[in-house]
Amino acid sequence: MPGVLTQAVGRQDVLIRRGVSARWGVLWEQDDGSGFQPVDLLTWSGTLRVSSPHGDVWLEQPVELTSDGLAIADLAASTTSSDVWAGRPRGTWTITATSPDGHVERLGEGTIRIED
């Protein structure tokens, strides 16, 4: 049986209060042979996706990427203040980063709970 190589993906559960701003992030580091160092993401693009438990995409927006390996998701209070979000108590989130040559890395994922 062939071996399988996997990479760890940051996992975090996030609680969102409907109509309140939220901010969270993921740190990407790689071992350069002398220890783990942050990956410079300044030339990459990043995306936050929030989906239903069944995979329907509720929200997709850019994330801030930094030279010290951070991918930062910011949700404005207005993003979840509409009535449609009241019917979305649980879902999932992912943050991906895309390199200039099109390579995509999943940096973080988890469940999301939305409460009033």
N, C-alpha and C. Protein backbone atom coordinates (compact mmCIF):
# COMPACT_ATOMS: atom_id res chain seq x y z
N MET A 1 0.85 -1.18 0.00
CA MET A 1 0.00 0.00 0.00
C MET A 1 0.89 1.24 0.00
N PRO A 2 0.64 2.21 -0.88
CA PRO A 2 1.47 3.41 -0.93
C PRO A 2 1.27 4.27 0.31
N GLY A 3 2.31 5.01 0.67
CA GLY A 3 2.23 5.93 1.80
C GLY A 3 1.45 7.19 1.43
N VAL A 4 1.01 7.88 2.44
CA VAL A 4 0.26 9.12 2.26
C VAL A 4 0.99 10.23 3.01
N LEU A 5 1.21 11.34 2.34
CA LEU A 5 1.83 12.50 2.96
C LEU A 5 0.76 13.54 3.20
N THR A 6 0.64 13.98 4.43
CA THR A 6 -0.34 15.02 4.74
C THR A 6 0.35 16.17 5.44
N GLN A 7 -0.25 17.32 5.35
CA GLN A 7 0.24 18.49 6.05
C GLN A 7 -0.84 18.95 7.01
N ALA A 8 -0.40 19.43 8.16
CA ALA A 8 -1.36 19.91 9.15
C ALA A 8 -2.02 21.20 8.65
N VAL A 9 -3.30 21.31 8.87
CA VAL A 9 -4.06 22.51 8.56
C VAL A 9 -4.56 23.05 9.89
N GLY A 10 -4.37 24.35 10.11
CA GLY A 10 -4.87 24.95 11.34
C GLY A 10 -6.36 24.74 11.48
N ARG A 11 -6.80 24.36 12.67
CA ARG A 11 -8.22 24.11 12.92
C ARG A 11 -8.65 24.92 14.13
N GLN A 12 -9.78 25.62 13.97
CA GLN A 12 -10.29 26.46 15.05
C GLN A 12 -11.79 26.59 14.89
N ASP A 13 -12.49 26.52 16.00
CA ASP A 13 -13.92 26.77 15.98
C ASP A 13 -14.13 28.25 16.31
N VAL A 14 -15.03 28.90 15.57
CA VAL A 14 -15.23 30.34 15.69
C VAL A 14 -16.69 30.61 16.06
N LEU A 15 -16.88 31.51 17.03
CA LEU A 15 -18.20 31.98 17.42
C LEU A 15 -18.38 33.40 16.90
N ILE A 16 -19.44 33.61 16.14
CA ILE A 16 -19.76 34.93 15.60
C ILE A 16 -21.05 35.40 16.26
N ARG A 17 -21.03 36.60 16.77
CA ARG A 17 -22.26 37.22 17.27
C ARG A 17 -22.86 38.02 16.12
N ARG A 18 -24.09 37.68 15.76
CA ARG A 18 -24.74 38.32 14.62
C ARG A 18 -24.77 39.83 14.82
N GLY A 19 -24.29 40.58 13.80
CA GLY A 19 -24.28 42.03 13.86
C GLY A 19 -23.11 42.62 14.65
N VAL A 20 -22.11 41.79 14.98
CA VAL A 20 -20.93 42.24 15.72
C VAL A 20 -19.69 41.91 14.89
N SER A 21 -18.74 42.82 14.83
CA SER A 21 -17.50 42.57 14.09
C SER A 21 -16.74 41.40 14.69
N ALA A 22 -16.05 40.65 13.84
CA ALA A 22 -15.23 39.52 14.29
C ALA A 22 -13.92 39.52 13.51
N ARG A 23 -12.87 39.05 14.17
CA ARG A 23 -11.54 39.00 13.54
C ARG A 23 -10.81 37.78 14.10
N TRP A 24 -10.26 36.97 13.21
CA TRP A 24 -9.43 35.85 13.62
C TRP A 24 -8.40 35.59 12.54
N GLY A 25 -7.41 34.80 12.85
CA GLY A 25 -6.36 34.57 11.87
C GLY A 25 -5.70 33.22 12.00
N VAL A 26 -4.88 32.94 11.00
CA VAL A 26 -4.14 31.69 10.91
C VAL A 26 -2.68 32.05 10.64
N LEU A 27 -1.77 31.38 11.31
CA LEU A 27 -0.34 31.60 11.10
C LEU A 27 0.21 30.41 10.32
N TRP A 28 0.89 30.69 9.20
CA TRP A 28 1.51 29.65 8.39
C TRP A 28 3.01 29.73 8.57
N GLU A 29 3.57 28.64 9.05
CA GLU A 29 5.02 28.51 9.21
C GLU A 29 5.48 27.25 8.51
N GLN A 30 6.73 27.27 8.01
CA GLN A 30 7.34 26.08 7.41
C GLN A 30 8.73 25.91 7.99
N ASP A 31 9.15 24.65 8.08
CA ASP A 31 10.50 24.35 8.56
C ASP A 31 11.48 24.55 7.41
N ASP A 32 12.39 25.49 7.59
CA ASP A 32 13.38 25.78 6.55
C ASP A 32 14.68 25.02 6.76
N GLY A 33 14.65 24.02 7.64
CA GLY A 33 15.84 23.23 7.94
C GLY A 33 16.52 23.65 9.24
N SER A 34 16.27 24.88 9.64
CA SER A 34 16.84 25.35 10.90
C SER A 34 15.75 25.67 11.92
N GLY A 35 14.53 25.27 11.61
CA GLY A 35 13.40 25.53 12.49
C GLY A 35 12.26 26.17 11.72
N PHE A 36 11.14 26.28 12.37
CA PHE A 36 9.96 26.83 11.71
C PHE A 36 10.05 28.34 11.61
N GLN A 37 9.72 28.83 10.39
CA GLN A 37 9.74 30.26 10.09
C GLN A 37 8.43 30.63 9.41
N PRO A 38 7.92 31.86 9.65
CA PRO A 38 6.71 32.30 8.96
C PRO A 38 6.91 32.36 7.45
N VAL A 39 5.87 32.05 6.71
CA VAL A 39 5.89 32.14 5.25
C VAL A 39 5.47 33.56 4.85
N ASP A 40 6.26 34.20 4.02
CA ASP A 40 5.94 35.54 3.52
C ASP A 40 4.78 35.44 2.53
N LEU A 41 3.65 36.00 2.89
CA LEU A 41 2.44 35.90 2.07
C LEU A 41 2.09 37.19 1.33
N LEU A 42 2.98 38.17 1.34
CA LEU A 42 2.66 39.47 0.75
C LEU A 42 2.29 39.42 -0.73
N THR A 43 2.86 38.51 -1.48
CA THR A 43 2.53 38.43 -2.91
C THR A 43 1.39 37.45 -3.21
N TRP A 44 0.86 36.82 -2.18
CA TRP A 44 -0.23 35.86 -2.34
C TRP A 44 -1.57 36.59 -2.20
N SER A 45 -2.65 35.92 -2.59
CA SER A 45 -4.00 36.41 -2.33
C SER A 45 -4.69 35.39 -1.43
N GLY A 46 -5.59 35.88 -0.57
CA GLY A 46 -6.25 34.98 0.38
C GLY A 46 -7.75 35.15 0.36
N THR A 47 -8.44 34.08 0.73
CA THR A 47 -9.90 34.06 0.71
C THR A 47 -10.45 33.38 1.95
N LEU A 48 -11.46 34.00 2.54
CA LEU A 48 -12.27 33.38 3.59
C LEU A 48 -13.56 32.91 2.94
N ARG A 49 -13.93 31.68 3.22
CA ARG A 49 -15.20 31.14 2.74
C ARG A 49 -15.97 30.61 3.95
N VAL A 50 -17.22 31.03 4.07
CA VAL A 50 -18.13 30.52 5.10
C VAL A 50 -19.24 29.78 4.37
N SER A 51 -19.46 28.53 4.78
CA SER A 51 -20.42 27.66 4.07
C SER A 51 -21.38 27.00 5.05
N SER A 52 -22.50 26.54 4.51
CA SER A 52 -23.46 25.77 5.30
C SER A 52 -22.85 24.40 5.60
N PRO A 53 -23.45 23.67 6.53
CA PRO A 53 -22.97 22.30 6.80
C PRO A 53 -23.05 21.40 5.57
N HIS A 54 -23.87 21.79 4.59
CA HIS A 54 -24.04 20.99 3.36
C HIS A 54 -23.18 21.49 2.21
N GLY A 55 -22.38 22.54 2.46
CA GLY A 55 -21.47 23.02 1.43
C GLY A 55 -21.92 24.23 0.62
N ASP A 56 -23.13 24.74 0.89
CA ASP A 56 -23.58 25.95 0.19
C ASP A 56 -22.76 27.13 0.69
N VAL A 57 -22.19 27.90 -0.23
CA VAL A 57 -21.35 29.03 0.15
C VAL A 57 -22.23 30.20 0.56
N TRP A 58 -22.05 30.65 1.81
CA TRP A 58 -22.78 31.79 2.33
C TRP A 58 -22.02 33.10 2.14
N LEU A 59 -20.70 33.01 2.20
CA LEU A 59 -19.88 34.22 2.14
C LEU A 59 -18.51 33.85 1.61
N GLU A 60 -17.99 34.70 0.74
CA GLU A 60 -16.62 34.55 0.28
C GLU A 60 -16.05 35.96 0.16
N GLN A 61 -14.92 36.19 0.83
CA GLN A 61 -14.32 37.52 0.82
C GLN A 61 -12.81 37.40 1.00
N PRO A 62 -12.08 38.44 0.58
CA PRO A 62 -10.62 38.42 0.74
C PRO A 62 -10.21 38.49 2.20
N VAL A 63 -9.04 37.97 2.49
CA VAL A 63 -8.42 38.10 3.81
C VAL A 63 -7.12 38.89 3.65
N GLU A 64 -6.67 39.47 4.74
CA GLU A 64 -5.41 40.20 4.75
C GLU A 64 -4.26 39.21 4.94
N LEU A 65 -3.25 39.30 4.10
CA LEU A 65 -2.08 38.44 4.20
C LEU A 65 -0.87 39.30 4.54
N THR A 66 0.03 38.78 5.40
CA THR A 66 1.16 39.57 5.86
C THR A 66 2.49 38.89 5.53
N SER A 67 3.57 39.64 5.67
CA SER A 67 4.90 39.09 5.42
C SER A 67 5.35 38.14 6.52
N ASP A 68 4.68 38.18 7.68
CA ASP A 68 5.07 37.29 8.77
C ASP A 68 4.11 36.11 8.94
N GLY A 69 3.52 35.66 7.83
CA GLY A 69 2.78 34.41 7.81
C GLY A 69 1.34 34.45 8.27
N LEU A 70 0.80 35.63 8.52
CA LEU A 70 -0.57 35.70 9.01
C LEU A 70 -1.58 35.88 7.88
N ALA A 71 -2.69 35.16 8.01
CA ALA A 71 -3.87 35.35 7.16
C ALA A 71 -4.97 35.77 8.11
N ILE A 72 -5.45 37.01 7.96
CA ILE A 72 -6.38 37.60 8.93
C ILE A 72 -7.75 37.80 8.29
N ALA A 73 -8.76 37.20 8.90
CA ALA A 73 -10.14 37.35 8.45
C ALA A 73 -10.83 38.41 9.29
N ASP A 74 -11.46 39.35 8.62
CA ASP A 74 -12.24 40.40 9.29
C ASP A 74 -13.66 40.33 8.77
N LEU A 75 -14.60 40.17 9.70
CA LEU A 75 -16.01 40.25 9.33
C LEU A 75 -16.58 41.53 9.92
N ALA A 76 -17.10 42.40 9.08
CA ALA A 76 -17.75 43.62 9.54
C ALA A 76 -19.08 43.27 10.19
N ALA A 77 -19.51 44.08 11.13
CA ALA A 77 -20.79 43.85 11.80
C ALA A 77 -21.93 43.76 10.79
N SER A 78 -21.86 44.56 9.74
CA SER A 78 -22.93 44.57 8.73
C SER A 78 -23.00 43.27 7.93
N THR A 79 -21.92 42.51 7.91
CA THR A 79 -21.90 41.26 7.14
C THR A 79 -22.95 40.28 7.63
N THR A 80 -23.13 40.16 8.93
CA THR A 80 -24.05 39.17 9.49
C THR A 80 -25.30 39.79 10.11
N SER A 81 -25.54 41.06 9.88
CA SER A 81 -26.68 41.71 10.54
C SER A 81 -28.01 41.50 9.83
N SER A 82 -28.00 41.06 8.58
CA SER A 82 -29.27 40.87 7.86
C SER A 82 -30.02 39.66 8.43
N ASP A 83 -31.32 39.64 8.21
CA ASP A 83 -32.18 38.57 8.75
C ASP A 83 -31.80 37.19 8.23
N VAL A 84 -31.23 37.11 7.02
CA VAL A 84 -30.88 35.80 6.46
C VAL A 84 -29.89 35.07 7.36
N TRP A 85 -29.02 35.80 8.05
CA TRP A 85 -28.03 35.17 8.93
C TRP A 85 -28.67 34.60 10.19
N ALA A 86 -29.87 35.05 10.56
CA ALA A 86 -30.56 34.50 11.73
C ALA A 86 -30.90 33.03 11.50
N GLY A 87 -31.07 32.63 10.25
CA GLY A 87 -31.38 31.23 9.92
C GLY A 87 -30.15 30.39 9.63
N ARG A 88 -28.98 30.90 10.00
CA ARG A 88 -27.72 30.19 9.75
C ARG A 88 -26.95 30.02 11.05
N PRO A 89 -27.40 29.12 11.90
CA PRO A 89 -26.76 29.00 13.22
C PRO A 89 -25.40 28.30 13.21
N ARG A 90 -25.16 27.43 12.23
CA ARG A 90 -23.90 26.67 12.20
C ARG A 90 -23.42 26.51 10.77
N GLY A 91 -22.10 26.43 10.63
CA GLY A 91 -21.53 26.21 9.32
C GLY A 91 -20.05 25.89 9.45
N THR A 92 -19.33 26.10 8.37
CA THR A 92 -17.89 25.86 8.35
C THR A 92 -17.20 27.07 7.75
N TRP A 93 -15.91 27.20 8.04
CA TRP A 93 -15.11 28.26 7.43
C TRP A 93 -13.80 27.66 6.95
N THR A 94 -13.23 28.27 5.93
CA THR A 94 -11.89 27.93 5.45
C THR A 94 -11.19 29.21 5.04
N ILE A 95 -9.89 29.23 5.23
CA ILE A 95 -9.05 30.29 4.70
C ILE A 95 -8.02 29.62 3.80
N THR A 96 -7.97 30.10 2.56
CA THR A 96 -6.99 29.60 1.60
C THR A 96 -6.12 30.76 1.14
N ALA A 97 -4.93 30.41 0.69
CA ALA A 97 -4.01 31.39 0.10
C ALA A 97 -3.59 30.86 -1.26
N THR A 98 -3.53 31.77 -2.24
CA THR A 98 -3.16 31.42 -3.60
C THR A 98 -1.89 32.18 -3.97
N SER A 99 -0.86 31.42 -4.39
CA SER A 99 0.42 32.02 -4.77
C SER A 99 0.28 32.72 -6.12
N PRO A 100 1.26 33.57 -6.47
CA PRO A 100 1.21 34.24 -7.77
C PRO A 100 1.14 33.28 -8.96
N ASP A 101 1.68 32.05 -8.81
CA ASP A 101 1.63 31.09 -9.92
C ASP A 101 0.39 30.19 -9.88
N GLY A 102 -0.55 30.46 -8.95
CA GLY A 102 -1.81 29.73 -8.91
C GLY A 102 -1.89 28.58 -7.94
N HIS A 103 -0.81 28.29 -7.21
CA HIS A 103 -0.81 27.21 -6.22
C HIS A 103 -1.67 27.62 -5.02
N VAL A 104 -2.58 26.75 -4.60
CA VAL A 104 -3.50 27.05 -3.51
C VAL A 104 -3.13 26.23 -2.27
N GLU A 105 -3.06 26.89 -1.13
CA GLU A 105 -2.82 26.25 0.16
C GLU A 105 -4.01 26.52 1.07
N ARG A 106 -4.53 25.47 1.71
CA ARG A 106 -5.57 25.64 2.73
C ARG A 106 -4.83 25.90 4.04
N LEU A 107 -5.00 27.09 4.59
CA LEU A 107 -4.27 27.47 5.79
C LEU A 107 -5.02 27.16 7.07
N GLY A 108 -6.34 27.25 7.03
CA GLY A 108 -7.12 27.01 8.24
C GLY A 108 -8.54 26.66 7.90
N GLU A 109 -9.19 26.01 8.88
CA GLU A 109 -10.58 25.60 8.69
C GLU A 109 -11.19 25.32 10.05
N GLY A 110 -12.49 25.20 10.07
CA GLY A 110 -13.16 24.86 11.31
C GLY A 110 -14.65 25.05 11.18
N THR A 111 -15.32 24.94 12.32
CA THR A 111 -16.75 25.18 12.36
C THR A 111 -16.98 26.63 12.77
N ILE A 112 -18.14 27.12 12.41
CA ILE A 112 -18.52 28.48 12.79
C ILE A 112 -19.92 28.41 13.37
N ARG A 113 -20.11 29.10 14.47
CA ARG A 113 -21.43 29.18 15.11
C ARG A 113 -21.84 30.64 15.13
N ILE A 114 -23.06 30.91 14.71
CA ILE A 114 -23.55 32.29 14.63
C ILE A 114 -24.71 32.43 15.60
N GLU A 115 -24.55 33.34 16.54
CA GLU A 115 -25.56 33.56 17.58
C GLU A 115 -26.00 35.01 17.60
N ASP A 116 -27.21 35.25 18.13
CA ASP A 116 -27.69 36.63 18.33
C ASP A 116 -27.05 37.21 19.56
